[in-house]
PDB file of N, CA and C in Angstrom:
ATOM      1  N   UNK A   1       0.846  -1.185   0.000  1.00  0.00           N
ATOM      2  CA  UNK A   1       0.000   0.000   0.000  1.00  0.00           C
ATOM      3  C   UNK A   1       0.887   1.243   0.000  1.00  0.00           C
ATOM      4  N   UNK A   2       0.549   2.216  -0.816  1.00  0.00           N
ATOM      5  CA  UNK A   2       1.321   3.450  -0.870  1.00  0.00           C
ATOM      6  C   UNK A   2       0.746   4.454   0.106  1.00  0.00           C
ATOM      7  N   UNK A   3       1.465   5.516   0.349  1.00  0.00           N
ATOM      8  CA  UNK A   3       1.000   6.571   1.242  1.00  0.00           C
ATOM      9  C   UNK A   3       0.208   7.638   0.505  1.00  0.00           C
ATOM     10  N   UNK A   4      -0.149   7.371  -0.751  1.00  0.00           N
ATOM     11  CA  UNK A   4      -0.873   8.361  -1.546  1.00  0.00           C
ATOM     12  C   UNK A   4      -2.278   8.563  -0.994  1.00  0.00           C
ATOM     13  N   UNK A   5      -2.716   9.791  -1.067  1.00  0.00           N
ATOM     14  CA  UNK A   5      -4.060  10.117  -0.630  1.00  0.00           C
ATOM     15  C   UNK A   5      -5.069   9.767  -1.719  1.00  0.00           C
ATOM     16  N   UNK A   6      -6.260   9.393  -1.301  1.00  0.00           N
ATOM     17  CA  UNK A   6      -7.328   9.143  -2.261  1.00  0.00           C
ATOM     18  C   UNK A   6      -7.736  10.465  -2.896  1.00  0.00           C
ATOM     19  N   UNK A   7      -8.135  10.449  -4.160  1.00  0.00           N
ATOM     20  CA  UNK A   7      -8.559  11.696  -4.790  1.00  0.00           C
ATOM     21  C   UNK A   7      -9.800  12.242  -4.085  1.00  0.00           C
ATOM     22  N   UNK A   8      -9.886  13.566  -4.035  1.00  0.00           N
ATOM     23  CA  UNK A   8     -11.004  14.217  -3.375  1.00  0.00           C
ATOM     24  C   UNK A   8     -12.213  14.150  -4.297  1.00  0.00           C
ATOM     25  N   UNK A   9     -13.288  13.584  -3.795  1.00  0.00           N
ATOM     26  CA  UNK A   9     -14.517  13.468  -4.568  1.00  0.00           C
ATOM     27  C   UNK A   9     -15.298  14.774  -4.461  1.00  0.00           C
ATOM     28  N   UNK A  10     -15.647  15.400  -5.590  1.00  0.00           N
ATOM     29  CA  UNK A  10     -16.406  16.649  -5.522  1.00  0.00           C
ATOM     30  C   UNK A  10     -17.787  16.414  -4.917  1.00  0.00           C
ATOM     31  N   UNK A  11     -18.320  17.447  -4.311  1.00  0.00           N
ATOM     32  CA  UNK A  11     -19.661  17.373  -3.745  1.00  0.00           C
ATOM     33  C   UNK A  11     -20.690  17.465  -4.869  1.00  0.00           C
ATOM     34  N   UNK A  12     -21.808  16.773  -4.698  1.00  0.00           N
ATOM     35  CA  UNK A  12     -22.877  16.795  -5.693  1.00  0.00           C
ATOM     36  C   UNK A  12     -24.167  17.275  -5.036  1.00  0.00           C
ATOM     37  N   UNK A  13     -25.201  17.415  -5.820  1.00  0.00           N
ATOM     38  CA  UNK A  13     -26.506  17.832  -5.306  1.00  0.00           C
ATOM     39  C   UNK A  13     -27.089  16.798  -4.347  1.00  0.00           C
ATOM     40  N   UNK A  14     -26.585  15.584  -4.370  1.00  0.00           N
ATOM     41  CA  UNK A  14     -27.062  14.553  -3.455  1.00  0.00           C
ATOM     42  C   UNK A  14     -26.449  14.673  -2.063  1.00  0.00           C
ATOM     43  N   UNK A  15     -25.343  15.406  -1.942  1.00  0.00           N
ATOM     44  CA  UNK A  15     -24.698  15.612  -0.647  1.00  0.00           C
ATOM     45  C   UNK A  15     -25.464  16.691   0.102  1.00  0.00           C
ATOM     46  N   UNK A  16     -25.876  16.382   1.332  1.00  0.00           N
ATOM     47  CA  UNK A  16     -26.736  17.275   2.092  1.00  0.00           C
ATOM     48  C   UNK A  16     -26.061  17.713   3.392  1.00  0.00           C
ATOM     49  N   UNK A  17     -26.377  18.915   3.830  1.00  0.00           N
ATOM     50  CA  UNK A  17     -25.847  19.480   5.066  1.00  0.00           C
ATOM     51  C   UNK A  17     -26.291  18.638   6.261  1.00  0.00           C
ATOM     52  N   UNK A  18     -25.356  18.320   7.130  1.00  0.00           N
ATOM     53  CA  UNK A  18     -25.666  17.537   8.331  1.00  0.00           C
ATOM     54  C   UNK A  18     -26.486  18.331   9.344  1.00  0.00           C
ATOM     55  N   UNK A  19     -26.521  19.644   9.217  1.00  0.00           N
ATOM     56  CA  UNK A  19     -27.288  20.481  10.150  1.00  0.00           C
ATOM     57  C   UNK A  19     -28.720  20.706   9.701  1.00  0.00           C
ATOM     58  N   UNK A  20     -28.903  21.049   8.403  1.00  0.00           N
ATOM     59  CA  UNK A  20     -30.239  21.476   7.970  1.00  0.00           C
ATOM     60  C   UNK A  20     -30.787  20.720   6.763  1.00  0.00           C
ATOM     61  N   UNK A  21     -29.973  19.932   6.096  1.00  0.00           N
ATOM     62  CA  UNK A  21     -30.449  19.171   4.949  1.00  0.00           C
ATOM     63  C   UNK A  21     -30.351  19.893   3.613  1.00  0.00           C
ATOM     64  N   UNK A  22     -29.876  21.136   3.601  1.00  0.00           N
ATOM     65  CA  UNK A  22     -29.688  21.859   2.340  1.00  0.00           C
ATOM     66  C   UNK A  22     -28.510  21.244   1.579  1.00  0.00           C
ATOM     67  N   UNK A  23     -28.337  21.632   0.318  1.00  0.00           N
ATOM     68  CA  UNK A  23     -27.223  21.101  -0.456  1.00  0.00           C
ATOM     69  C   UNK A  23     -25.907  21.467   0.211  1.00  0.00           C
ATOM     70  N   UNK A  24     -25.017  20.487   0.328  1.00  0.00           N
ATOM     71  CA  UNK A  24     -23.718  20.699   0.962  1.00  0.00           C
ATOM     72  C   UNK A  24     -22.719  21.266  -0.037  1.00  0.00           C
ATOM     73  N   UNK A  25     -21.981  22.264   0.411  1.00  0.00           N
ATOM     74  CA  UNK A  25     -20.904  22.858  -0.383  1.00  0.00           C
ATOM     75  C   UNK A  25     -19.569  22.779   0.353  1.00  0.00           C
ATOM     76  N   UNK A  26     -19.574  22.301   1.578  1.00  0.00           N
ATOM     77  CA  UNK A  26     -18.351  22.212   2.377  1.00  0.00           C
ATOM     78  C   UNK A  26     -18.274  20.819   3.007  1.00  0.00           C
ATOM     79  N   UNK A  27     -17.106  20.173   2.823  1.00  0.00           N
ATOM     80  CA  UNK A  27     -16.855  18.878   3.452  1.00  0.00           C
ATOM     81  C   UNK A  27     -15.686  19.041   4.403  1.00  0.00           C
ATOM     82  N   UNK A  28     -15.881  18.629   5.651  1.00  0.00           N
ATOM     83  CA  UNK A  28     -14.807  18.627   6.640  1.00  0.00           C
ATOM     84  C   UNK A  28     -14.455  17.168   6.923  1.00  0.00           C
ATOM     85  N   UNK A  29     -13.245  16.768   6.552  1.00  0.00           N
ATOM     86  CA  UNK A  29     -12.772  15.420   6.841  1.00  0.00           C
ATOM     87  C   UNK A  29     -11.988  15.481   8.146  1.00  0.00           C
ATOM     88  N   UNK A  30     -12.465  14.746   9.127  1.00  0.00           N
ATOM     89  CA  UNK A  30     -11.901  14.810  10.468  1.00  0.00           C
ATOM     90  C   UNK A  30     -10.637  13.969  10.574  1.00  0.00           C
ATOM     91  N   UNK A  31      -9.665  14.412  11.390  1.00  0.00           N
ATOM     92  CA  UNK A  31      -8.406  13.662  11.509  1.00  0.00           C
ATOM     93  C   UNK A  31      -8.585  12.274  12.129  1.00  0.00           C
ATOM     94  N   UNK A  32      -9.643  12.067  12.877  1.00  0.00           N
ATOM     95  CA  UNK A  32      -9.901  10.764  13.504  1.00  0.00           C
ATOM     96  C   UNK A  32     -10.743   9.868  12.611  1.00  0.00           C
ATOM     97  N   UNK A  33     -11.065  10.352  11.417  1.00  0.00           N
ATOM     98  CA  UNK A  33     -11.906   9.606  10.482  1.00  0.00           C
ATOM     99  C   UNK A  33     -13.306  10.193  10.436  1.00  0.00           C
ATOM    100  N   UNK A  34     -13.978   9.932   9.370  1.00  0.00           N
ATOM    101  CA  UNK A  34     -15.325  10.455   9.190  1.00  0.00           C
ATOM    102  C   UNK A  34     -15.305  11.837   8.569  1.00  0.00           C
ATOM    103  N   UNK A  35     -16.479  12.292   8.198  1.00  0.00           N
ATOM    104  CA  UNK A  35     -16.592  13.601   7.592  1.00  0.00           C
ATOM    105  C   UNK A  35     -17.912  14.241   7.971  1.00  0.00           C
ATOM    106  N   UNK A  36     -17.925  15.551   7.883  1.00  0.00           N
ATOM    107  CA  UNK A  36     -19.128  16.344   8.116  1.00  0.00           C
ATOM    108  C   UNK A  36     -19.383  17.153   6.864  1.00  0.00           C
ATOM    109  N   UNK A  37     -20.649  17.263   6.490  1.00  0.00           N
ATOM    110  CA  UNK A  37     -21.039  18.052   5.325  1.00  0.00           C
ATOM    111  C   UNK A  37     -21.866  19.234   5.794  1.00  0.00           C
ATOM    112  N   UNK A  38     -21.615  20.393   5.174  1.00  0.00           N
ATOM    113  CA  UNK A  38     -22.332  21.607   5.556  1.00  0.00           C
ATOM    114  C   UNK A  38     -22.749  22.397   4.334  1.00  0.00           C
ATOM    115  N   UNK A  39     -23.903  23.065   4.442  1.00  0.00           N
ATOM    116  CA  UNK A  39     -24.268  24.083   3.455  1.00  0.00           C
ATOM    117  C   UNK A  39     -23.309  25.256   3.680  1.00  0.00           C
ATOM    118  N   UNK A  40     -23.329  26.236   2.800  1.00  0.00           N
ATOM    119  CA  UNK A  40     -22.415  27.374   2.942  1.00  0.00           C
ATOM    120  C   UNK A  40     -22.658  28.110   4.260  1.00  0.00           C
ATOM    121  N   UNK A  41     -23.916  28.293   4.634  1.00  0.00           N
ATOM    122  CA  UNK A  41     -24.264  29.013   5.863  1.00  0.00           C
ATOM    123  C   UNK A  41     -23.683  28.328   7.102  1.00  0.00           C
ATOM    124  N   UNK A  42     -23.967  27.052   7.276  1.00  0.00           N
ATOM    125  CA  UNK A  42     -23.472  26.345   8.451  1.00  0.00           C
ATOM    126  C   UNK A  42     -21.969  26.105   8.377  1.00  0.00           C
ATOM    127  N   UNK A  43     -21.441  25.959   7.174  1.00  0.00           N
ATOM    128  CA  UNK A  43     -19.996  25.821   7.023  1.00  0.00           C
ATOM    129  C   UNK A  43     -19.266  27.041   7.542  1.00  0.00           C
ATOM    130  N   UNK A  44     -19.770  28.236   7.192  1.00  0.00           N
ATOM    131  CA  UNK A  44     -19.136  29.469   7.687  1.00  0.00           C
ATOM    132  C   UNK A  44     -19.178  29.527   9.210  1.00  0.00           C
ATOM    133  N   UNK A  45     -20.218  28.997   9.823  1.00  0.00           N
ATOM    134  CA  UNK A  45     -20.322  29.009  11.281  1.00  0.00           C
ATOM    135  C   UNK A  45     -19.297  28.094  11.949  1.00  0.00           C
ATOM    136  N   UNK A  46     -18.952  26.992  11.308  1.00  0.00           N
ATOM    137  CA  UNK A  46     -18.143  25.959  11.973  1.00  0.00           C
ATOM    138  C   UNK A  46     -16.738  25.764  11.406  1.00  0.00           C
ATOM    139  N   UNK A  47     -16.434  26.369  10.262  1.00  0.00           N
ATOM    140  CA  UNK A  47     -15.178  26.064   9.569  1.00  0.00           C
ATOM    141  C   UNK A  47     -13.933  26.412  10.392  1.00  0.00           C
ATOM    142  N   UNK A  48     -13.939  27.528  11.098  1.00  0.00           N
ATOM    143  CA  UNK A  48     -12.751  27.924  11.875  1.00  0.00           C
ATOM    144  C   UNK A  48     -12.459  26.912  12.981  1.00  0.00           C
ATOM    145  N   UNK A  49     -13.482  26.500  13.707  1.00  0.00           N
ATOM    146  CA  UNK A  49     -13.290  25.530  14.792  1.00  0.00           C
ATOM    147  C   UNK A  49     -12.836  24.181  14.244  1.00  0.00           C
ATOM    148  N   UNK A  50     -13.374  23.780  13.102  1.00  0.00           N
ATOM    149  CA  UNK A  50     -12.970  22.512  12.502  1.00  0.00           C
ATOM    150  C   UNK A  50     -11.514  22.552  12.055  1.00  0.00           C
ATOM    151  N   UNK A  51     -11.096  23.664  11.473  1.00  0.00           N
ATOM    152  CA  UNK A  51      -9.682  23.796  11.080  1.00  0.00           C
ATOM    153  C   UNK A  51      -8.759  23.731  12.292  1.00  0.00           C
ATOM    154  N   UNK A  52      -9.161  24.383  13.389  1.00  0.00           N
ATOM    155  CA  UNK A  52      -8.353  24.346  14.619  1.00  0.00           C
ATOM    156  C   UNK A  52      -8.194  22.930  15.137  1.00  0.00           C
ATOM    157  N   UNK A  53      -9.177  22.094  14.891  1.00  0.00           N
ATOM    158  CA  UNK A  53      -9.129  20.697  15.343  1.00  0.00           C
ATOM    159  C   UNK A  53      -8.416  19.797  14.347  1.00  0.00           C
ATOM    160  N   UNK A  54      -7.914  20.384  13.249  1.00  0.00           N
ATOM    161  CA  UNK A  54      -7.124  19.615  12.282  1.00  0.00           C
ATOM    162  C   UNK A  54      -7.913  19.023  11.139  1.00  0.00           C
ATOM    163  N   UNK A  55      -9.157  19.445  10.951  1.00  0.00           N
ATOM    164  CA  UNK A  55      -9.961  18.910   9.854  1.00  0.00           C
ATOM    165  C   UNK A  55      -9.438  19.411   8.508  1.00  0.00           C
ATOM    166  N   UNK A  56      -9.530  18.562   7.510  1.00  0.00           N
ATOM    167  CA  UNK A  56      -9.207  18.934   6.135  1.00  0.00           C
ATOM    168  C   UNK A  56     -10.500  19.452   5.513  1.00  0.00           C
ATOM    169  N   UNK A  57     -10.483  20.671   4.990  1.00  0.00           N
ATOM    170  CA  UNK A  57     -11.693  21.324   4.507  1.00  0.00           C
ATOM    171  C   UNK A  57     -11.701  21.394   2.982  1.00  0.00           C
ATOM    172  N   UNK A  58     -12.783  20.939   2.383  1.00  0.00           N
ATOM    173  CA  UNK A  58     -13.046  21.130   0.964  1.00  0.00           C
ATOM    174  C   UNK A  58     -14.201  22.115   0.895  1.00  0.00           C
ATOM    175  N   UNK A  59     -13.936  23.316   0.408  1.00  0.00           N
ATOM    176  CA  UNK A  59     -14.945  24.374   0.346  1.00  0.00           C
ATOM    177  C   UNK A  59     -15.275  24.667  -1.113  1.00  0.00           C
ATOM    178  N   UNK A  60     -16.455  24.270  -1.534  1.00  0.00           N
ATOM    179  CA  UNK A  60     -16.921  24.514  -2.897  1.00  0.00           C
ATOM    180  C   UNK A  60     -18.010  25.582  -2.919  1.00  0.00           C
ATOM    181  N   UNK A  61     -18.088  26.400  -1.875  1.00  0.00           N
ATOM    182  CA  UNK A  61     -19.159  27.394  -1.797  1.00  0.00           C
ATOM    183  C   UNK A  61     -19.050  28.468  -2.876  1.00  0.00           C
ATOM    184  N   UNK A  62     -17.894  28.619  -3.509  1.00  0.00           N
ATOM    185  CA  UNK A  62     -17.759  29.580  -4.604  1.00  0.00           C
ATOM    186  C   UNK A  62     -18.661  29.207  -5.779  1.00  0.00           C
ATOM    187  N   UNK A  63     -19.060  27.942  -5.859  1.00  0.00           N
ATOM    188  CA  UNK A  63     -19.978  27.509  -6.923  1.00  0.00           C
ATOM    189  C   UNK A  63     -21.316  28.233  -6.839  1.00  0.00           C
ATOM    190  N   UNK A  64     -21.660  28.743  -5.680  1.00  0.00           N
ATOM    191  CA  UNK A  64     -22.934  29.448  -5.526  1.00  0.00           C
ATOM    192  C   UNK A  64     -22.978  30.732  -6.343  1.00  0.00           C
ATOM    193  N   UNK A  65     -21.836  31.332  -6.605  1.00  0.00           N
ATOM    194  CA  UNK A  65     -21.807  32.588  -7.347  1.00  0.00           C
ATOM    195  C   UNK A  65     -21.468  32.393  -8.829  1.00  0.00           C
ATOM    196  N   UNK A  66     -21.277  31.150  -9.253  1.00  0.00           N
ATOM    197  CA  UNK A  66     -21.005  30.873 -10.655  1.00  0.00           C
ATOM    198  C   UNK A  66     -22.292  31.004 -11.454  1.00  0.00           C
ATOM    199  N   UNK A  67     -22.157  31.456 -12.693  1.00  0.00           N
ATOM    200  CA  UNK A  67     -23.311  31.508 -13.587  1.00  0.00           C
ATOM    201  C   UNK A  67     -23.111  30.500 -14.700  1.00  0.00           C
ATOM    202  N   UNK A  68     -24.187  29.926 -15.154  1.00  0.00           N
ATOM    203  CA  UNK A  68     -24.115  28.964 -16.249  1.00  0.00           C
ATOM    204  C   UNK A  68     -24.113  29.703 -17.567  1.00  0.00           C
ATOM    205  N   UNK A  69     -23.301  29.225 -18.494  1.00  0.00           N
ATOM    206  CA  UNK A  69     -23.271  29.855 -19.810  1.00  0.00           C
ATOM    207  C   UNK A  69     -24.417  29.349 -20.674  1.00  0.00           C
ATOM    208  N   UNK A  70     -24.900  28.140 -20.381  1.00  0.00           N
ATOM    209  CA  UNK A  70     -26.036  27.587 -21.116  1.00  0.00           C
ATOM    210  C   UNK A  70     -26.957  26.900 -20.135  1.00  0.00           C
ATOM    211  N   UNK A  71     -28.199  26.761 -20.523  1.00  0.00           N
ATOM    212  CA  UNK A  71     -29.174  26.062 -19.683  1.00  0.00           C
ATOM    213  C   UNK A  71     -28.947  24.567 -19.787  1.00  0.00           C
ATOM    214  N   UNK A  72     -29.251  23.823 -18.722  1.00  0.00           N
ATOM    215  CA  UNK A  72     -29.145  22.365 -18.816  1.00  0.00           C
ATOM    216  C   UNK A  72     -30.063  21.838 -19.921  1.00  0.00           C
ATOM    217  N   UNK A  73     -29.779  20.654 -20.407  1.00  0.00           N
ATOM    218  CA  UNK A  73     -30.533  20.071 -21.521  1.00  0.00           C
ATOM    219  C   UNK A  73     -32.036  20.052 -21.268  1.00  0.00           C
ATOM    220  N   UNK A  74     -32.470  19.798 -20.050  1.00  0.00           N
ATOM    221  CA  UNK A  74     -33.909  19.700 -19.788  1.00  0.00           C
ATOM    222  C   UNK A  74     -34.587  21.066 -19.727  1.00  0.00           C
ATOM    223  N   UNK A  75     -33.827  22.167 -19.792  1.00  0.00           N
ATOM    224  CA  UNK A  75     -34.425  23.496 -19.752  1.00  0.00           C
ATOM    225  C   UNK A  75     -34.381  24.191 -21.107  1.00  0.00           C
ATOM    226  N   UNK A  76     -33.874  23.504 -22.116  1.00  0.00           N
ATOM    227  CA  UNK A  76     -33.775  24.126 -23.445  1.00  0.00           C
ATOM    228  C   UNK A  76     -35.062  23.978 -24.192  1.00  0.00           C
TER     229      UNK A  76
END
C-alpha cells in the first residue's frame, strides 16, 4: 500500500448538510476519520473551529456565485 491520498470526490446535489439538509458545499474530513457536510451558511459558522481541530476542509461554496453559460438540456 502506498501513502498516496485518495482523490477528493467533488460534492454533488445529493450531498446534504448535516445540520439542515440543504445542499452541501463544504466537506470537513476529520483527523480521527469520518466527515461532516455543511451548506455554505453552516460551514461558515463551523469552519474555523474545525480547522483548529485539524480537519481537512473542501470548500466549494464559490460555486454558488457561478453563472451557467447555457441552460441544462432539460431546460432548453
